[in-house]
Amino acid sequence: MCTLRPDGSPHVTPVWFVHLHDTWWICSERPNAKLRNVSADPRVSLHLEDGDHPVVAEGRAIVHRTGYPVDVVSAFRVKYGWDIDTPESVLYEVPVTKWLLSGEAQ
């Protein structure tokens, strides 16, 4: 996930995610630079690559500190074997506002 630092420069980090309801859900521990950056400027981009089909999605992250959707918690448990609903976790909800597929705007 790419966030913006206070000086406008990019901050890129690998993330663990699930995709549900046309929305990317990303979990991380807090505190961290990603949370500080998104709290100041919610614009983010995500890049996924499988070797043949690169995908870039842009959106505005919404930060959840508690009350995570049950289906999202379940999806993380199934995909990674984790319980993300902990006091140390933060959940980012990123509805996509723009898709870039194979370098073409969608």
N, C-alpha and C. Protein backbone atom coordinates (compact mmCIF):
# COMPACT_ATOMS: atom_id res chain seq x y z
N MET A 1 0.86 -1.16 0.00
CA MET A 1 0.00 0.00 0.00
C MET A 1 0.90 1.22 0.00
N CYS A 2 0.54 2.18 -0.80
CA CYS A 2 1.29 3.43 -0.87
C CYS A 2 0.45 4.53 -0.21
N THR A 3 1.05 5.18 0.78
CA THR A 3 0.43 6.32 1.44
C THR A 3 1.30 7.54 1.19
N LEU A 4 0.84 8.69 1.62
CA LEU A 4 1.60 9.92 1.43
C LEU A 4 2.15 10.43 2.75
N ARG A 5 3.46 10.67 2.77
CA ARG A 5 4.09 11.27 3.95
C ARG A 5 3.67 12.74 4.04
N PRO A 6 3.89 13.36 5.19
CA PRO A 6 3.53 14.78 5.32
C PRO A 6 4.16 15.69 4.27
N ASP A 7 5.35 15.32 3.78
CA ASP A 7 6.00 16.15 2.76
C ASP A 7 5.52 15.81 1.34
N GLY A 8 4.57 14.87 1.22
CA GLY A 8 4.01 14.51 -0.08
C GLY A 8 4.72 13.36 -0.76
N SER A 9 5.83 12.90 -0.21
CA SER A 9 6.55 11.78 -0.82
C SER A 9 5.84 10.47 -0.50
N PRO A 10 6.00 9.46 -1.37
CA PRO A 10 5.31 8.19 -1.17
C PRO A 10 5.94 7.35 -0.07
N HIS A 11 5.12 6.61 0.64
CA HIS A 11 5.55 5.64 1.63
C HIS A 11 4.90 4.31 1.24
N VAL A 12 5.70 3.35 0.81
CA VAL A 12 5.19 2.08 0.29
C VAL A 12 5.51 0.96 1.27
N THR A 13 4.50 0.15 1.58
CA THR A 13 4.69 -0.99 2.48
C THR A 13 3.93 -2.20 1.95
N PRO A 14 4.45 -3.41 2.20
CA PRO A 14 3.67 -4.60 1.88
C PRO A 14 2.53 -4.71 2.89
N VAL A 15 1.41 -5.26 2.46
CA VAL A 15 0.25 -5.37 3.35
C VAL A 15 -0.41 -6.73 3.21
N TRP A 16 -1.18 -7.09 4.22
CA TRP A 16 -2.00 -8.28 4.22
C TRP A 16 -3.44 -7.81 4.07
N PHE A 17 -4.17 -8.42 3.16
CA PHE A 17 -5.47 -7.87 2.78
C PHE A 17 -6.46 -8.97 2.45
N VAL A 18 -7.72 -8.57 2.41
CA VAL A 18 -8.79 -9.36 1.79
C VAL A 18 -9.58 -8.39 0.92
N HIS A 19 -10.23 -8.93 -0.09
CA HIS A 19 -11.07 -8.11 -0.98
C HIS A 19 -12.50 -8.62 -0.87
N LEU A 20 -13.38 -7.79 -0.31
CA LEU A 20 -14.79 -8.14 -0.13
C LEU A 20 -15.65 -6.94 -0.49
N HIS A 21 -16.78 -7.21 -1.12
CA HIS A 21 -17.76 -6.14 -1.41
C HIS A 21 -17.14 -4.99 -2.21
N ASP A 22 -16.30 -5.32 -3.20
CA ASP A 22 -15.62 -4.31 -4.02
C ASP A 22 -14.77 -3.35 -3.20
N THR A 23 -14.28 -3.83 -2.08
CA THR A 23 -13.48 -3.01 -1.17
C THR A 23 -12.27 -3.80 -0.73
N TRP A 24 -11.11 -3.14 -0.64
CA TRP A 24 -9.91 -3.74 -0.08
C TRP A 24 -9.92 -3.49 1.42
N TRP A 25 -9.64 -4.51 2.19
CA TRP A 25 -9.55 -4.42 3.64
C TRP A 25 -8.12 -4.81 4.01
N ILE A 26 -7.42 -3.93 4.69
CA ILE A 26 -6.01 -4.12 5.01
C ILE A 26 -5.84 -4.02 6.51
N CYS A 27 -5.11 -4.96 7.08
CA CYS A 27 -4.90 -4.95 8.53
C CYS A 27 -3.43 -4.73 8.83
N SER A 28 -3.16 -3.94 9.87
CA SER A 28 -1.79 -3.78 10.35
C SER A 28 -1.83 -3.52 11.84
N GLU A 29 -0.66 -3.59 12.45
CA GLU A 29 -0.55 -3.24 13.86
C GLU A 29 -0.37 -1.73 13.98
N ARG A 30 -0.69 -1.20 15.12
CA ARG A 30 -0.51 0.23 15.36
C ARG A 30 0.40 0.40 16.56
N PRO A 31 1.03 1.52 16.72
CA PRO A 31 1.10 2.66 15.78
C PRO A 31 2.11 2.39 14.69
N ASN A 32 1.95 3.05 13.56
CA ASN A 32 2.93 2.93 12.48
C ASN A 32 2.80 4.13 11.54
N ALA A 33 3.75 4.26 10.63
CA ALA A 33 3.76 5.39 9.70
C ALA A 33 2.54 5.36 8.79
N LYS A 34 2.12 4.17 8.39
CA LYS A 34 0.95 4.05 7.51
C LYS A 34 -0.27 4.69 8.16
N LEU A 35 -0.50 4.41 9.44
CA LEU A 35 -1.64 4.98 10.16
C LEU A 35 -1.52 6.49 10.28
N ARG A 36 -0.34 6.97 10.61
CA ARG A 36 -0.12 8.43 10.69
C ARG A 36 -0.39 9.08 9.34
N ASN A 37 0.12 8.48 8.28
CA ASN A 37 -0.05 9.06 6.95
C ASN A 37 -1.51 9.08 6.52
N VAL A 38 -2.22 7.96 6.69
CA VAL A 38 -3.62 7.88 6.27
C VAL A 38 -4.50 8.80 7.11
N SER A 39 -4.16 8.96 8.38
CA SER A 39 -4.93 9.86 9.24
C SER A 39 -4.82 11.30 8.76
N ALA A 40 -3.68 11.66 8.18
CA ALA A 40 -3.47 13.02 7.68
C ALA A 40 -3.99 13.20 6.25
N ASP A 41 -3.88 12.16 5.43
CA ASP A 41 -4.31 12.22 4.03
C ASP A 41 -4.74 10.81 3.62
N PRO A 42 -6.04 10.58 3.43
CA PRO A 42 -6.53 9.21 3.20
C PRO A 42 -6.27 8.64 1.81
N ARG A 43 -5.68 9.40 0.90
CA ARG A 43 -5.44 8.87 -0.46
C ARG A 43 -4.38 7.78 -0.43
N VAL A 44 -4.72 6.64 -1.03
CA VAL A 44 -3.79 5.51 -1.07
C VAL A 44 -3.86 4.85 -2.44
N SER A 45 -2.85 4.05 -2.74
CA SER A 45 -2.90 3.18 -3.90
C SER A 45 -2.39 1.81 -3.49
N LEU A 46 -2.87 0.79 -4.19
CA LEU A 46 -2.51 -0.59 -3.93
C LEU A 46 -2.07 -1.23 -5.23
N HIS A 47 -1.04 -2.07 -5.16
CA HIS A 47 -0.54 -2.76 -6.34
C HIS A 47 -0.50 -4.25 -6.06
N LEU A 48 -1.08 -5.02 -6.96
CA LEU A 48 -1.04 -6.48 -6.88
C LEU A 48 -0.45 -7.02 -8.17
N GLU A 49 0.35 -8.05 -8.04
CA GLU A 49 1.06 -8.59 -9.21
C GLU A 49 1.09 -10.11 -9.10
N ASP A 50 0.64 -10.79 -10.14
CA ASP A 50 0.75 -12.25 -10.16
C ASP A 50 1.71 -12.74 -11.24
N GLY A 51 2.42 -11.82 -11.87
CA GLY A 51 3.36 -12.18 -12.92
C GLY A 51 2.82 -11.90 -14.30
N ASP A 52 1.51 -11.94 -14.47
CA ASP A 52 0.90 -11.73 -15.78
C ASP A 52 -0.13 -10.60 -15.80
N HIS A 53 -0.74 -10.33 -14.66
CA HIS A 53 -1.86 -9.40 -14.63
C HIS A 53 -1.67 -8.36 -13.52
N PRO A 54 -0.84 -7.34 -13.74
CA PRO A 54 -0.67 -6.32 -12.71
C PRO A 54 -1.94 -5.50 -12.55
N VAL A 55 -2.24 -5.16 -11.32
CA VAL A 55 -3.43 -4.36 -11.01
C VAL A 55 -3.03 -3.26 -10.04
N VAL A 56 -3.49 -2.06 -10.30
CA VAL A 56 -3.31 -0.95 -9.37
C VAL A 56 -4.70 -0.38 -9.08
N ALA A 57 -4.98 -0.18 -7.81
CA ALA A 57 -6.25 0.40 -7.38
C ALA A 57 -5.95 1.65 -6.56
N GLU A 58 -6.76 2.67 -6.75
CA GLU A 58 -6.63 3.89 -5.97
C GLU A 58 -7.91 4.10 -5.18
N GLY A 59 -7.78 4.71 -4.01
CA GLY A 59 -8.95 4.99 -3.19
C GLY A 59 -8.59 5.85 -2.00
N ARG A 60 -9.57 6.03 -1.14
CA ARG A 60 -9.40 6.79 0.10
C ARG A 60 -9.65 5.84 1.26
N ALA A 61 -8.64 5.69 2.10
CA ALA A 61 -8.72 4.74 3.21
C ALA A 61 -9.57 5.30 4.35
N ILE A 62 -10.40 4.45 4.89
CA ILE A 62 -11.17 4.74 6.10
C ILE A 62 -10.57 3.87 7.19
N VAL A 63 -10.20 4.47 8.31
CA VAL A 63 -9.53 3.76 9.40
C VAL A 63 -10.57 3.26 10.41
N HIS A 64 -10.47 1.97 10.73
CA HIS A 64 -11.30 1.37 11.79
C HIS A 64 -10.37 0.91 12.90
N ARG A 65 -10.65 1.35 14.11
CA ARG A 65 -9.84 0.94 15.26
C ARG A 65 -10.56 -0.11 16.12
N THR A 66 -11.89 -0.17 16.00
CA THR A 66 -12.71 -1.15 16.71
C THR A 66 -13.93 -1.45 15.85
N GLY A 67 -14.70 -2.44 16.27
CA GLY A 67 -15.95 -2.74 15.58
C GLY A 67 -15.79 -3.21 14.15
N TYR A 68 -14.83 -4.09 13.92
CA TYR A 68 -14.57 -4.58 12.57
C TYR A 68 -15.75 -5.41 12.06
N PRO A 69 -16.09 -5.30 10.78
CA PRO A 69 -17.17 -6.12 10.23
C PRO A 69 -16.87 -7.62 10.40
N VAL A 70 -17.86 -8.35 10.85
CA VAL A 70 -17.69 -9.78 11.14
C VAL A 70 -17.22 -10.55 9.91
N ASP A 71 -17.76 -10.24 8.73
CA ASP A 71 -17.35 -10.98 7.53
C ASP A 71 -15.90 -10.70 7.15
N VAL A 72 -15.40 -9.50 7.46
CA VAL A 72 -14.00 -9.17 7.18
C VAL A 72 -13.09 -9.91 8.16
N VAL A 73 -13.46 -9.92 9.43
CA VAL A 73 -12.69 -10.66 10.44
C VAL A 73 -12.62 -12.14 10.04
N SER A 74 -13.74 -12.69 9.62
CA SER A 74 -13.80 -14.09 9.20
C SER A 74 -12.93 -14.34 7.97
N ALA A 75 -12.96 -13.43 7.01
CA ALA A 75 -12.16 -13.59 5.78
C ALA A 75 -10.66 -13.59 6.10
N PHE A 76 -10.21 -12.73 7.02
CA PHE A 76 -8.80 -12.73 7.42
C PHE A 76 -8.46 -14.05 8.12
N ARG A 77 -9.36 -14.54 8.95
CA ARG A 77 -9.12 -15.80 9.65
C ARG A 77 -8.97 -16.95 8.66
N VAL A 78 -9.84 -16.99 7.65
CA VAL A 78 -9.79 -18.05 6.64
C VAL A 78 -8.52 -17.93 5.80
N LYS A 79 -8.19 -16.72 5.35
CA LYS A 79 -7.06 -16.52 4.44
C LYS A 79 -5.71 -16.68 5.14
N TYR A 80 -5.58 -16.11 6.36
CA TYR A 80 -4.28 -16.07 7.02
C TYR A 80 -4.21 -16.85 8.34
N GLY A 81 -5.35 -17.26 8.88
CA GLY A 81 -5.36 -17.92 10.18
C GLY A 81 -5.20 -16.96 11.34
N TRP A 82 -5.50 -15.69 11.14
CA TRP A 82 -5.34 -14.66 12.18
C TRP A 82 -6.68 -14.20 12.71
N ASP A 83 -6.65 -13.74 13.97
CA ASP A 83 -7.77 -12.97 14.52
C ASP A 83 -7.32 -11.52 14.52
N ILE A 84 -7.89 -10.72 13.62
CA ILE A 84 -7.47 -9.32 13.50
C ILE A 84 -8.16 -8.41 14.51
N ASP A 85 -9.18 -8.92 15.20
CA ASP A 85 -9.95 -8.10 16.13
C ASP A 85 -9.25 -8.04 17.48
N THR A 86 -8.11 -7.32 17.51
CA THR A 86 -7.32 -7.17 18.73
C THR A 86 -7.05 -5.69 18.98
N PRO A 87 -6.73 -5.31 20.22
CA PRO A 87 -6.44 -3.90 20.51
C PRO A 87 -5.21 -3.36 19.77
N GLU A 88 -4.32 -4.25 19.33
CA GLU A 88 -3.10 -3.82 18.64
C GLU A 88 -3.32 -3.59 17.15
N SER A 89 -4.47 -4.01 16.63
CA SER A 89 -4.72 -3.95 15.18
C SER A 89 -5.47 -2.69 14.77
N VAL A 90 -5.27 -2.33 13.52
CA VAL A 90 -6.06 -1.29 12.88
C VAL A 90 -6.47 -1.85 11.51
N LEU A 91 -7.67 -1.52 11.08
CA LEU A 91 -8.20 -2.03 9.82
C LEU A 91 -8.47 -0.85 8.90
N TYR A 92 -7.96 -0.95 7.67
CA TYR A 92 -8.17 0.08 6.66
C TYR A 92 -9.19 -0.44 5.66
N GLU A 93 -10.21 0.33 5.42
CA GLU A 93 -11.23 0.03 4.42
C GLU A 93 -10.94 0.93 3.23
N VAL A 94 -10.69 0.33 2.06
CA VAL A 94 -10.34 1.12 0.88
C VAL A 94 -11.30 0.79 -0.26
N PRO A 95 -12.40 1.54 -0.37
CA PRO A 95 -13.25 1.40 -1.55
C PRO A 95 -12.50 1.98 -2.75
N VAL A 96 -12.49 1.26 -3.85
CA VAL A 96 -11.73 1.69 -5.02
C VAL A 96 -12.44 2.83 -5.74
N THR A 97 -11.69 3.90 -6.00
CA THR A 97 -12.22 5.02 -6.78
C THR A 97 -11.71 4.99 -8.21
N LYS A 98 -10.59 4.28 -8.43
CA LYS A 98 -10.02 4.19 -9.78
C LYS A 98 -9.20 2.91 -9.88
N TRP A 99 -9.40 2.17 -10.97
CA TRP A 99 -8.61 0.97 -11.28
C TRP A 99 -7.66 1.29 -12.41
N LEU A 100 -6.45 0.80 -12.30
CA LEU A 100 -5.49 0.80 -13.40
C LEU A 100 -5.16 -0.66 -13.66
N LEU A 101 -5.58 -1.17 -14.81
CA LEU A 101 -5.37 -2.57 -15.16
C LEU A 101 -4.39 -2.64 -16.31
N SER A 102 -3.29 -3.32 -16.11
CA SER A 102 -2.26 -3.43 -17.14
C SER A 102 -1.87 -2.06 -17.69
N GLY A 103 -1.86 -1.07 -16.80
CA GLY A 103 -1.42 0.26 -17.19
C GLY A 103 -2.47 1.12 -17.85
N GLU A 104 -3.72 0.65 -17.93
CA GLU A 104 -4.78 1.43 -18.57
C GLU A 104 -5.80 1.87 -17.53
N ALA A 105 -6.16 3.14 -17.55
CA ALA A 105 -7.15 3.65 -16.61
C ALA A 105 -8.50 3.03 -16.88
N GLN A 106 -9.22 2.67 -15.83
CA GLN A 106 -10.55 2.07 -15.95
C GLN A 106 -11.55 2.97 -15.26
